[in-house]
């Protein structure tokens, strides 16, 4: 009986079964983030697909200007100043905008892009659950040509974490903590309905006061819950608006809607041209609209203007039949 040759021994297959090999390949692909490429001519991107996702270009609608956002003049002025410093290459801060819902926090980001995209402002939108790829996005921005004049705001909407969520640590590192966290082409602008991004529990304080905690240094737990929001150099708080401000915003948006309608038809509906001159029927409807939605805000005012303009225009067309 002949002995197997050396060549036949080396040809003996030791490969993994195909199903197991497929699973291994899939696992490795899920662990590796694809190379991120950024085109400076693209105004905005959104990260999609989770950990192994990609930057998807956004077709942005630049219809909203800073002048359209009323009732938040102080917050707007501070945000504009910080953004202008950033675009000029001067020192600027990461920004946390927190407070009441519908006050215009997210709209300010779109309005900034409308106003400053010609000066090099670019936006990258990223969800809270995808913050682990933030460092790779930062690296891709750093690899842009030295003569690239674009500046990137990484925008995270509705930012908040629970006590078991560890993804906030990636954000902490980018904001202030890693060796290369200081850079001149990237800032993080985040919005949240919660001023403290990590929850603070009453039981934590009670455990400290009553000596029931197992921690040797229990106050460090409290420090950890506030450390993330403290790393945003600029914190802007948005408060509920009063009735007069709400009605002024309603009138402003109604005028804008009427201008759009007039551009396509010869119909003009009187909504008052002077500030505070909103006709009583519209005023009453606007206040009822806000009451039914639990409060006054810029978002509620905008939604009412679209409702009232559309309803009124449709009624006019129906009456002509």
Protein backbone atom coordinates (compact mmCIF):
# COMPACT_ATOMS: atom_id res chain seq x y z
CA UNK A 1 0.00 0.00 0.00
CA UNK A 2 1.50 3.27 -1.07
CA UNK A 3 2.03 6.06 1.43
CA UNK A 4 0.41 9.46 0.72
CA UNK A 5 2.83 11.87 -0.82
CA UNK A 6 3.69 15.25 0.69
CA UNK A 7 1.72 17.00 -2.06
CA UNK A 8 -1.39 14.96 -1.35
CA UNK A 9 -1.13 15.83 2.36
CA UNK A 10 -0.94 19.55 1.62
CA UNK A 11 -3.96 19.30 -0.68
CA UNK A 12 -6.16 17.86 2.09
CA UNK A 13 -8.88 20.50 2.70
CA UNK A 14 -9.19 21.92 6.20
CA UNK A 15 -11.65 24.76 5.30
CA UNK A 16 -14.64 25.61 7.49
CA UNK A 17 -18.05 24.38 6.36
CA UNK A 18 -19.72 26.82 3.99
CA UNK A 19 -22.58 27.80 6.36
CA UNK A 20 -20.11 28.56 9.15
CA UNK A 21 -17.87 30.48 6.76
CA UNK A 22 -20.84 32.59 5.64
CA UNK A 23 -21.71 33.40 9.23
CA UNK A 24 -18.11 34.37 9.97
CA UNK A 25 -17.96 36.59 6.90
CA UNK A 26 -21.23 38.29 7.85
CA UNK A 27 -19.99 38.87 11.40
CA UNK A 28 -16.73 40.42 10.24
CA UNK A 29 -18.59 42.70 7.83
CA UNK A 30 -20.83 43.90 10.65
CA UNK A 31 -17.81 44.74 12.80
CA UNK A 32 -16.00 46.77 10.16
CA UNK A 33 -17.17 50.29 9.29
CA UNK A 34 -16.72 50.99 5.57
CA UNK A 35 -14.38 53.75 4.50
CA UNK A 36 -16.05 57.13 4.90
CA UNK A 37 -15.71 59.56 2.03
CA UNK A 38 -16.90 63.16 2.23
CA UNK A 39 -17.54 65.43 -0.73
CA UNK A 40 -17.15 69.11 0.29
CA UNK A 41 -19.64 70.17 -2.41
CA UNK A 42 -22.40 68.16 -0.69
CA UNK A 43 -24.25 70.44 1.75
CA UNK A 44 -25.56 67.77 4.11
CA UNK A 45 -25.24 64.08 4.94
CA UNK A 46 -27.10 61.68 7.21
CA UNK A 47 -25.53 58.56 8.70
CA UNK A 48 -27.69 55.51 7.90
CA UNK A 49 -27.30 51.77 8.42
CA UNK A 50 -25.99 51.51 11.95
CA UNK A 51 -22.39 50.62 12.81
CA UNK A 52 -21.49 49.39 9.32
CA UNK A 53 -23.54 52.04 7.55
CA UNK A 54 -22.54 55.01 5.43
CA UNK A 55 -23.05 58.74 4.93
CA UNK A 56 -26.07 59.28 2.69
CA UNK A 57 -26.24 62.62 0.85
CA UNK A 58 -29.31 64.70 1.68
CA UNK A 59 -31.26 66.84 -0.78
CA UNK A 60 -31.82 69.77 1.57
CA UNK A 61 -34.60 72.32 1.18
CA UNK A 62 -33.18 75.76 1.92
CA UNK A 63 -36.50 77.58 2.37
CA UNK A 64 -36.21 78.37 6.10
CA UNK A 65 -34.20 81.47 7.01
CA UNK A 66 -33.06 82.75 10.38
CA UNK A 67 -35.51 85.66 10.09
CA UNK A 68 -38.38 83.17 9.96
CA UNK A 69 -37.57 81.95 13.48
CA UNK A 70 -39.05 84.43 15.93
CA UNK A 71 -39.44 84.54 19.68
CA UNK A 72 -35.98 83.03 20.27
CA UNK A 73 -33.82 86.06 19.47
CA UNK A 74 -31.34 85.63 22.35
CA UNK A 75 -30.69 81.96 21.64
CA UNK A 76 -30.47 82.64 17.90
CA UNK A 77 -27.98 85.47 18.35
CA UNK A 78 -25.65 83.33 20.49
CA UNK A 79 -25.84 80.41 18.07
CA UNK A 80 -25.17 82.62 15.06
CA UNK A 81 -22.18 84.23 16.74
CA UNK A 82 -20.70 80.85 17.67
CA UNK A 83 -21.25 79.55 14.12
CA UNK A 84 -19.67 82.61 12.52
CA UNK A 85 -16.61 82.23 14.75
CA UNK A 86 -16.40 78.61 13.66
CA UNK A 87 -16.63 79.44 9.94
CA UNK A 88 -13.94 82.11 10.27
CA UNK A 89 -11.58 79.62 11.88
CA UNK A 90 -11.76 81.32 15.28
CA UNK A 91 -12.29 79.39 18.53
CA UNK A 92 -15.88 78.21 18.96
CA UNK A 93 -17.81 75.82 21.19
CA UNK A 94 -19.90 72.69 20.87
CA UNK A 95 -23.55 73.59 21.47
CA UNK A 96 -26.35 71.93 23.44
CA UNK A 97 -29.85 73.31 22.84
CA UNK A 98 -32.36 72.08 25.39
CA UNK A 99 -35.81 72.94 26.59
CA UNK A 100 -39.44 72.92 25.57
CA UNK A 101 -40.49 70.98 22.49
CA UNK A 102 -41.29 72.80 19.27
CA UNK A 103 -39.40 75.97 20.22
CA UNK A 104 -37.22 75.96 17.09
CA UNK A 105 -34.10 74.06 18.15
CA UNK A 106 -33.97 71.79 15.09
CA UNK A 107 -35.20 74.57 12.80
CA UNK A 108 -32.21 76.68 13.80
CA UNK A 109 -29.89 74.06 12.31
CA UNK A 110 -31.69 74.15 8.96
CA UNK A 111 -31.75 77.95 9.02
CA UNK A 112 -28.01 78.07 9.70
CA UNK A 113 -27.38 75.93 6.62
CA UNK A 114 -29.66 78.21 4.57
CA UNK A 115 -27.70 81.28 5.65
CA UNK A 116 -24.12 80.07 5.74
CA UNK A 117 -23.76 77.24 3.22
CA UNK A 118 -22.13 79.67 0.80
CA UNK A 119 -19.50 80.37 3.46
CA UNK A 120 -18.57 76.71 3.80
CA UNK A 121 -21.01 75.43 6.43
CA UNK A 122 -21.87 71.74 6.07
CA UNK A 123 -24.11 69.49 8.20
CA UNK A 124 -23.76 65.81 9.08
CA UNK A 125 -26.80 64.40 10.87
CA UNK A 126 -26.27 61.42 13.12
CA UNK A 127 -28.66 59.55 15.41
CA UNK A 128 -27.96 58.96 19.06
CA UNK A 129 -27.65 55.20 18.53
CA UNK A 130 -24.90 55.71 15.92
CA UNK A 131 -22.56 57.83 18.02
CA UNK A 132 -19.97 55.04 18.00
CA UNK A 133 -19.03 56.03 14.43
CA UNK A 134 -18.53 59.67 15.36
CA UNK A 135 -14.79 59.22 15.71
CA UNK A 136 -14.56 57.78 12.17
CA UNK A 137 -16.52 60.73 10.81
CA UNK A 138 -14.11 63.07 12.56
CA UNK A 139 -11.16 61.22 11.01
CA UNK A 140 -12.73 61.55 7.53
CA UNK A 141 -13.13 65.30 8.03
CA UNK A 142 -9.51 65.59 9.13
CA UNK A 143 -8.43 63.86 5.91
CA UNK A 144 -10.00 66.52 3.69
CA UNK A 145 -7.49 68.62 1.69
CA UNK A 146 -5.76 71.33 3.66
CA UNK A 147 -7.16 74.01 1.36
CA UNK A 148 -10.78 72.86 1.94
CA UNK A 149 -12.67 75.79 3.43
CA UNK A 150 -15.66 73.76 4.62
CA UNK A 151 -16.54 73.47 8.29
CA UNK A 152 -18.74 70.61 9.52
CA UNK A 153 -21.40 70.64 12.20
CA UNK A 154 -22.28 67.14 13.37
CA UNK A 155 -25.92 67.47 14.35
CA UNK A 156 -27.64 65.08 16.75
CA UNK A 157 -31.36 65.64 17.34
CA UNK A 158 -33.29 64.61 20.45
CA UNK A 159 -30.19 63.59 22.38
CA UNK A 160 -30.74 61.77 25.68
CA UNK A 161 -29.47 58.61 27.35
CA UNK A 162 -30.64 56.17 29.96
CA UNK A 163 -28.50 54.88 32.78
CA UNK A 164 -27.52 51.71 30.93
CA UNK A 165 -26.60 53.39 27.63
CA UNK A 166 -22.84 53.43 27.07
CA UNK A 167 -22.86 55.18 23.68
CA UNK A 168 -22.61 58.57 25.36
CA UNK A 169 -18.95 57.86 26.15
CA UNK A 170 -18.05 58.11 22.46
CA UNK A 171 -19.63 61.58 22.41
CA UNK A 172 -17.78 62.61 25.55
CA UNK A 173 -14.48 61.66 23.93
CA UNK A 174 -15.14 63.78 20.84
CA UNK A 175 -16.42 66.76 22.80
CA UNK A 176 -13.54 66.94 25.21
CA UNK A 177 -11.37 64.12 26.37
CA UNK A 178 -9.40 62.51 23.59
CA UNK A 179 -5.96 63.78 22.66
CA UNK A 180 -7.21 65.17 19.34
CA UNK A 181 -10.58 66.48 20.53
CA UNK A 182 -9.58 70.07 19.76
CA UNK A 183 -9.94 70.70 16.04
CA UNK A 184 -11.03 73.51 13.78
CA UNK A 185 -13.27 71.75 11.24
CA UNK A 186 -15.85 69.97 13.37
CA UNK A 187 -18.34 71.02 16.04
CA UNK A 188 -21.19 69.07 17.61
CA UNK A 189 -24.59 70.78 17.82
CA UNK A 190 -27.16 68.72 19.74
CA UNK A 191 -30.78 69.27 20.70
CA UNK A 192 -32.59 67.71 23.61
CA UNK A 193 -35.76 68.18 25.62
CA UNK A 194 -33.67 67.34 28.67
CA UNK A 195 -31.05 69.76 30.01
CA UNK A 196 -29.15 66.96 31.75
CA UNK A 197 -28.56 64.33 29.09
CA UNK A 198 -28.21 61.51 31.60
CA UNK A 199 -31.02 60.83 34.10
CA UNK A 200 -30.59 61.96 37.69
CA UNK A 201 -32.53 59.82 40.15
CA UNK A 202 -33.90 60.97 43.51
CA UNK A 203 -33.00 57.58 44.92
CA UNK A 204 -29.31 58.30 44.25
CA UNK A 205 -29.42 61.31 46.56
CA UNK A 206 -31.49 59.43 49.15
CA UNK A 207 -29.02 56.55 49.15
CA UNK A 208 -26.18 58.98 49.79
CA UNK A 209 -27.98 60.79 52.59
CA UNK A 210 -29.11 57.56 54.27
CA UNK A 211 -25.83 55.74 53.77
CA UNK A 212 -27.48 52.94 51.82
CA UNK A 213 -25.25 53.04 48.76
CA UNK A 214 -22.58 50.42 48.16
CA UNK A 215 -20.26 52.91 46.47
CA UNK A 216 -17.21 54.16 48.31
CA UNK A 217 -17.41 57.53 46.51
CA UNK A 218 -21.14 57.93 45.73
CA UNK A 219 -20.88 61.58 44.67
CA UNK A 220 -18.86 60.46 41.65
CA UNK A 221 -22.05 58.90 40.27
CA UNK A 222 -23.75 62.29 40.34
CA UNK A 223 -20.69 63.89 38.71
CA UNK A 224 -20.92 61.34 35.91
CA UNK A 225 -24.55 62.24 35.14
CA UNK A 226 -23.69 65.91 34.58
CA UNK A 227 -20.27 65.46 32.96
CA UNK A 228 -21.64 65.01 29.43
CA UNK A 229 -23.72 68.18 29.28
CA UNK A 230 -20.86 70.12 30.88
CA UNK A 231 -18.65 69.31 27.90
CA UNK A 232 -20.79 71.45 25.63
CA UNK A 233 -19.19 74.86 25.87
CA UNK A 234 -22.40 76.70 24.90
CA UNK A 235 -25.72 75.70 26.44
CA UNK A 236 -28.89 77.36 25.14
CA UNK A 237 -32.20 76.90 26.95
CA UNK A 238 -35.56 77.33 25.21
CA UNK A 239 -38.62 78.25 27.28
CA UNK A 240 -42.37 78.13 26.56
CA UNK A 241 -43.50 81.29 24.78
CA UNK A 242 -46.19 83.76 25.80
CA UNK A 243 -49.40 84.34 23.89
CA UNK A 244 -48.32 87.54 22.16
CA UNK A 245 -45.15 85.96 20.78
CA UNK A 246 -47.09 82.94 19.59
CA UNK A 247 -49.61 85.11 17.70
CA UNK A 248 -46.81 87.13 16.11
CA UNK A 249 -45.25 83.92 14.82
CA UNK A 250 -48.62 82.75 13.51
CA UNK A 251 -49.01 86.01 11.61
CA UNK A 252 -45.49 85.79 10.19
CA UNK A 253 -46.04 82.29 8.84
CA UNK A 254 -49.48 83.17 7.49
CA UNK A 255 -47.97 86.04 5.52
CA UNK A 256 -45.35 83.67 4.09
CA UNK A 257 -48.03 81.15 3.12
CA UNK A 258 -50.13 83.87 1.49
CA UNK A 259 -47.14 85.01 -0.54
CA UNK A 260 -46.73 81.48 -1.88
CA UNK A 261 -50.43 81.29 -2.76
CA UNK A 262 -50.37 84.72 -4.44
CA UNK A 263 -47.45 83.61 -6.59
CA UNK A 264 -49.62 80.86 -8.11
CA UNK A 265 -53.08 82.45 -8.00
CA UNK A 266 -54.64 85.89 -7.93
CA UNK A 267 -56.21 85.28 -4.54
CA UNK A 268 -55.11 87.30 -1.53
CA UNK A 269 -56.49 86.69 1.95
CA UNK A 270 -56.16 89.41 4.57
CA UNK A 271 -54.12 88.23 7.55
CA UNK A 272 -52.90 91.64 8.74
CA UNK A 273 -49.77 93.34 7.52
CA UNK A 274 -48.67 95.02 10.74
CA UNK A 275 -47.32 93.15 13.74
CA UNK A 276 -50.13 92.45 16.17
CA UNK A 277 -52.90 93.13 13.63
CA UNK A 278 -54.04 89.54 13.23
CA UNK A 279 -57.80 89.52 12.50
CA UNK A 280 -59.93 88.33 15.41
CA UNK A 281 -61.36 85.19 13.74
CA UNK A 282 -57.85 83.96 12.88
CA UNK A 283 -56.60 84.96 16.33
CA UNK A 284 -59.34 82.93 17.99
CA UNK A 285 -58.68 79.90 15.79
CA UNK A 286 -54.92 80.12 16.46
CA UNK A 287 -55.40 80.19 20.23
CA UNK A 288 -57.83 77.27 20.09
CA UNK A 289 -55.35 75.33 17.94
CA UNK A 290 -52.59 75.84 20.52
CA UNK A 291 -54.89 74.90 23.39
CA UNK A 292 -55.83 71.63 21.72
CA UNK A 293 -52.14 70.78 21.31
CA UNK A 294 -51.13 71.44 24.87
CA UNK A 295 -49.10 74.62 24.48
CA UNK A 296 -47.77 77.47 22.36
CA UNK A 297 -44.61 77.08 20.30
CA UNK A 298 -43.11 78.00 16.96
CA UNK A 299 -43.89 74.52 15.65
CA UNK A 300 -47.55 74.80 16.65
CA UNK A 301 -47.72 78.25 15.01
CA UNK A 302 -46.26 76.88 11.78
CA UNK A 303 -48.65 73.94 11.76
CA UNK A 304 -51.61 76.24 12.31
CA UNK A 305 -50.56 78.53 9.46
CA UNK A 306 -50.49 75.60 7.05
CA UNK A 307 -53.83 74.31 8.31
CA UNK A 308 -55.57 77.69 8.07
CA UNK A 309 -54.05 78.71 4.71
CA UNK A 310 -54.86 75.38 3.10
CA UNK A 311 -58.40 75.27 4.49
CA UNK A 312 -59.15 78.85 3.44
CA UNK A 313 -57.75 78.44 -0.06
CA UNK A 314 -59.72 75.23 -0.58
CA UNK A 315 -62.93 76.94 0.56
CA UNK A 316 -62.36 79.76 -1.95
CA UNK A 317 -61.87 77.29 -4.82
CA UNK A 318 -64.98 75.31 -3.80
CA UNK A 319 -67.07 78.51 -3.77
CA UNK A 320 -66.16 79.21 -7.40
CA UNK A 321 -67.63 75.94 -8.66
